[in-house]
Protein backbone atom coordinates (compact mmCIF):
# COMPACT_ATOMS: atom_id res chain seq x y z
CA MET A 1 -0.22 0.07 0.17
CA ARG A 2 2.84 2.42 0.83
CA ASP A 3 4.20 2.19 -2.47
CA ASP A 4 1.03 2.34 -4.51
CA PRO A 5 1.83 3.42 -7.96
CA SER A 6 -1.36 5.09 -8.31
CA VAL A 7 -0.86 7.32 -5.43
CA ILE A 8 2.73 8.11 -6.58
CA ALA A 9 1.20 8.99 -9.99
CA LEU A 10 -1.41 11.29 -8.35
CA VAL A 11 0.98 13.16 -6.32
CA THR A 12 3.31 13.71 -9.17
CA ARG A 13 0.49 14.88 -11.47
CA ALA A 14 -1.02 17.06 -8.76
CA ALA A 15 2.29 18.58 -7.99
CA ASN A 16 2.60 19.62 -11.55
CA ARG A 17 -0.89 21.46 -11.26
CA ASP A 18 -3.01 18.85 -12.83
CA GLN A 19 -6.47 19.69 -11.76
CA ASP A 20 -7.78 16.44 -12.58
CA ALA A 21 -5.08 14.63 -10.07
CA TRP A 22 -6.24 17.35 -7.39
CA ASN A 23 -9.86 16.46 -7.79
CA GLU A 24 -9.19 12.71 -7.60
CA ILE A 25 -7.04 13.17 -4.53
CA ILE A 26 -9.61 15.02 -2.84
CA GLU A 27 -12.44 12.50 -3.71
CA ARG A 28 -10.27 9.73 -2.65
CA TYR A 29 -9.14 11.06 0.66
CA ALA A 30 -11.60 13.39 1.91
CA PRO A 31 -13.54 10.57 3.65
CA LEU A 32 -10.36 9.90 5.56
CA VAL A 33 -10.08 13.29 6.72
CA TRP A 34 -13.78 13.36 7.85
CA SER A 35 -13.54 10.30 9.56
CA ILE A 36 -10.63 11.44 11.57
CA CYS A 37 -12.53 14.50 12.57
CA THR A 38 -15.56 12.70 13.70
CA ARG A 39 -13.49 10.72 16.22
CA TYR A 40 -12.62 14.18 17.85
CA ARG A 41 -16.21 14.96 17.94
CA LEU A 42 -15.75 18.35 16.52
CA LYS A 43 -18.73 20.56 15.49
CA ASN A 44 -19.50 20.70 11.94
CA GLU A 45 -18.02 24.05 11.50
CA ASP A 46 -14.86 22.90 12.98
CA ILE A 47 -14.77 19.81 10.68
CA GLU A 48 -15.15 22.01 7.63
CA ASP A 49 -12.31 24.39 9.06
CA VAL A 50 -10.18 21.52 9.75
CA GLY A 51 -10.40 19.98 6.29
CA GLN A 52 -10.12 23.15 4.63
CA THR A 53 -6.94 23.92 6.48
CA VAL A 54 -5.54 20.33 5.69
CA TRP A 55 -6.17 20.66 1.91
CA LEU A 56 -4.60 24.22 2.01
CA LEU A 57 -1.27 22.69 3.63
CA LEU A 58 -1.37 19.97 1.02
CA VAL A 59 -1.23 22.67 -1.58
CA GLU A 60 1.73 24.14 -0.05
CA TYR A 61 3.64 20.80 0.82
CA LEU A 62 2.67 18.44 -1.70
CA GLY A 63 5.72 19.24 -3.99
CA LYS A 64 7.78 18.77 -0.75
CA LEU A 65 6.75 15.36 0.11
CA ARG A 66 10.11 13.14 0.11
CA GLU A 67 7.99 10.05 -0.70
CA PRO A 68 4.86 10.69 -2.74
CA ALA A 69 3.47 7.29 -1.72
CA ALA A 70 3.34 8.72 1.99
CA LEU A 71 0.38 11.17 1.05
CA PRO A 72 -2.22 9.01 3.01
CA GLY A 73 0.04 8.93 6.25
CA TRP A 74 0.75 12.65 5.74
CA LEU A 75 -2.96 13.50 5.35
CA ALA A 76 -3.87 11.55 8.30
CA THR A 77 -1.15 12.91 10.72
CA THR A 78 -2.04 16.41 9.61
CA THR A 79 -5.72 16.04 10.02
CA HIS A 80 -5.04 14.56 13.72
CA HIS A 81 -2.74 17.65 14.48
CA GLU A 82 -5.40 20.13 13.25
CA CYS A 83 -8.03 18.39 15.10
CA GLN A 84 -5.87 18.71 18.28
CA ARG A 85 -5.41 22.30 17.41
CA ALA A 86 -9.35 22.85 17.08
CA LEU A 87 -10.01 21.03 20.42
CA THR A 88 -7.36 23.17 22.13
CA ALA A 89 -8.93 26.37 20.92
CA ALA A 90 -12.41 25.06 21.90
CA ARG A 91 -11.26 24.25 25.52
CA LYS A 92 -10.07 27.92 25.73
CA THR A 93 -13.58 29.40 24.67
CA GLU A 94 -15.91 26.56 26.27
CA SER A 95 -16.15 24.67 29.24
CA LEU A 96 -16.00 21.23 27.90
CA GLY A 97 -14.97 19.49 31.16
CA THR A 98 -14.72 15.82 30.96
CA LYS A 99 -16.66 15.59 27.56
CA LEU A 100 -13.50 15.39 25.57
CA ASP A 101 -11.53 12.07 25.77
CA ASP A 102 -7.91 13.00 26.34
CA ALA A 103 -6.79 9.94 24.89
CA LEU A 104 -7.79 11.38 21.51
CA LEU A 105 -4.83 13.80 21.80
CA VAL A 106 -2.37 10.92 21.42
CA VAL A 107 -1.84 10.45 17.74
CA ASP A 108 -1.44 6.51 17.54
CA GLY A 109 0.60 5.15 14.64
CA ALA A 110 -1.51 2.06 14.63
CA VAL A 111 -4.78 3.96 14.61
CA ILE A 112 -3.46 6.17 11.76
CA GLU A 113 -2.38 3.06 9.59
CA GLN A 114 -5.94 1.39 10.17
CA GLU A 115 -7.55 4.70 9.09
CA ILE A 116 -5.29 4.94 6.10
CA LEU A 117 -6.09 1.23 5.11
CA ILE A 118 -9.77 1.86 5.41
CA ALA A 119 -9.48 5.01 3.25
CA GLU A 120 -7.45 3.28 0.58
CA ARG A 121 -10.05 0.24 0.46
CA ASN A 122 -13.07 2.56 0.22
CA ALA A 123 -11.13 4.38 -2.54
CA ALA A 124 -10.37 1.12 -4.50
CA LEU A 125 -14.03 -0.02 -4.00
CA ARG A 126 -15.45 3.18 -5.50
CA VAL A 127 -13.07 2.79 -8.56
CA ALA A 128 -13.99 -0.94 -8.80
CA LEU A 129 -17.66 -0.20 -8.67
CA ARG A 130 -17.22 2.40 -11.47
CA GLU A 131 -15.68 -0.39 -13.60
CA LEU A 132 -18.95 -2.53 -13.49
CA SER A 133 -21.48 -2.34 -16.10
CA PRO A 134 -24.10 0.56 -15.55
CA SER A 135 -26.80 -2.26 -14.74
CA CYS A 136 -24.52 -3.87 -11.94
CA GLN A 137 -23.71 -0.40 -10.53
CA GLN A 138 -27.48 0.49 -10.21
CA LEU A 139 -28.45 -2.94 -8.62
CA LEU A 140 -25.68 -2.94 -6.10
CA ALA A 141 -26.29 0.90 -5.36
CA MET A 142 -29.98 -0.17 -4.40
CA LEU A 143 -28.91 -3.20 -2.62
CA ILE A 144 -26.77 -1.30 -0.18
CA SER A 145 -28.79 2.05 0.22
CA ASP A 146 -29.74 3.38 3.45
CA PRO A 147 -32.59 2.52 4.30
CA PRO A 148 -32.29 -0.59 2.21
CA ARG A 149 -34.53 -0.77 -0.78
CA SER A 150 -36.91 -3.84 -0.78
CA TYR A 151 -36.78 -6.60 -3.67
CA THR A 152 -40.09 -5.39 -4.63
CA ASP A 153 -38.92 -1.74 -5.13
CA ILE A 154 -35.82 -2.94 -6.86
CA SER A 155 -37.92 -5.19 -9.31
CA THR A 156 -40.22 -2.44 -10.22
CA THR A 157 -37.38 0.16 -10.66
CA LEU A 158 -35.03 -2.01 -12.58
CA ARG A 159 -37.91 -3.94 -14.40
CA ILE A 160 -36.62 -7.23 -13.72
CA PRO A 161 -38.31 -10.39 -11.98
CA ILE A 162 -37.87 -10.58 -8.06
CA GLY A 163 -36.54 -14.09 -8.63
CA SER A 164 -33.57 -12.77 -10.74
CA ILE A 165 -32.38 -10.22 -8.27
CA GLY A 166 -30.38 -12.57 -6.21
CA PRO A 167 -28.59 -14.32 -9.22
CA ARG A 168 -27.57 -10.90 -10.72
CA ARG A 169 -26.40 -9.76 -7.29
CA ALA A 170 -24.23 -12.70 -7.08
CA ARG A 171 -22.82 -12.22 -10.77
CA CYS A 172 -22.14 -8.54 -10.02
CA LEU A 173 -20.58 -9.04 -6.82
CA GLU A 174 -18.22 -11.81 -8.54
CA CYS A 175 -17.20 -9.13 -11.01
CA LEU A 176 -16.48 -6.88 -8.26
CA ARG A 177 -14.44 -9.33 -6.38
CA ARG A 178 -12.26 -10.11 -9.63
CA SER A 179 -11.51 -6.33 -10.06
CA GLY A 180 -7.69 -5.72 -10.34
CA THR A 181 -8.26 -2.60 -8.44
CA LEU A 182 -9.33 -4.46 -5.36
CA GLU A 183 -6.71 -7.27 -5.77
CA LYS A 184 -3.87 -4.66 -5.60
CA LEU A 185 -4.95 -3.87 -2.00
CA GLY A 186 -6.13 -7.60 -1.20
CA ALA A 187 -9.44 -6.08 -0.86
CA GLY A 188 -11.52 -8.67 -2.78
CA ASP A 189 -13.43 -10.08 0.19
CA MET A 190 -13.86 -6.80 2.10
CA GLY A 191 -17.46 -7.11 2.54
CA VAL A 192 -18.63 -6.80 -0.81
CA ASN A 193 -19.93 -10.43 -0.81
CA SER A 194 -22.70 -9.57 1.67
CA ALA A 195 -24.12 -6.52 -0.01
CA GLY A 196 -27.72 -6.70 0.14
CA GLY A 197 -28.16 -10.27 1.31
CA GLY A 198 -31.78 -11.29 2.37
CA LYS A 199 -33.54 -8.06 1.92
CA HIS A 200 -36.69 -9.49 0.35
CA ALA A 201 -39.04 -7.13 2.40
């Protein structure tokens, strides 16, 4: 994961002012930044401020990264630091008492690595989903929606028999598992095999 050629290519292109690369970096890693912020229980406006600061810092430091593949780690660590800064500011202006967990102020390397892994797998899954046929994309999106869509609703919307939903789901998931994008991260079995199972309501 740390020497992922796709990350290296993205960083190189973005450092050369490729707007598409910048957009892809943000799409790929914004969920990582957001998930870290939510662990600190920041207010929505503080999460927005932290996110904006992280991306602005990235603009400044992207070309200075000694190892382009280290981008996910840099983003995670920087987000943790900015969240801590936001908490410190909040403590100065509000009486938060024990509502905040001081343990959050310790940046745990293992936690950061896990957050990066989840972000990388989620990014790979989004790419793999886009590689599927439009019909598979639509079916899987309906099966994993929240709240879940009933098989009757799916049948009506997609104009397919209820009895064919399960077999089609299985074929689509098999295509997803065979995706080269997921195989690169060893992510072929990361929960896609259970998408929408048993939702016959």
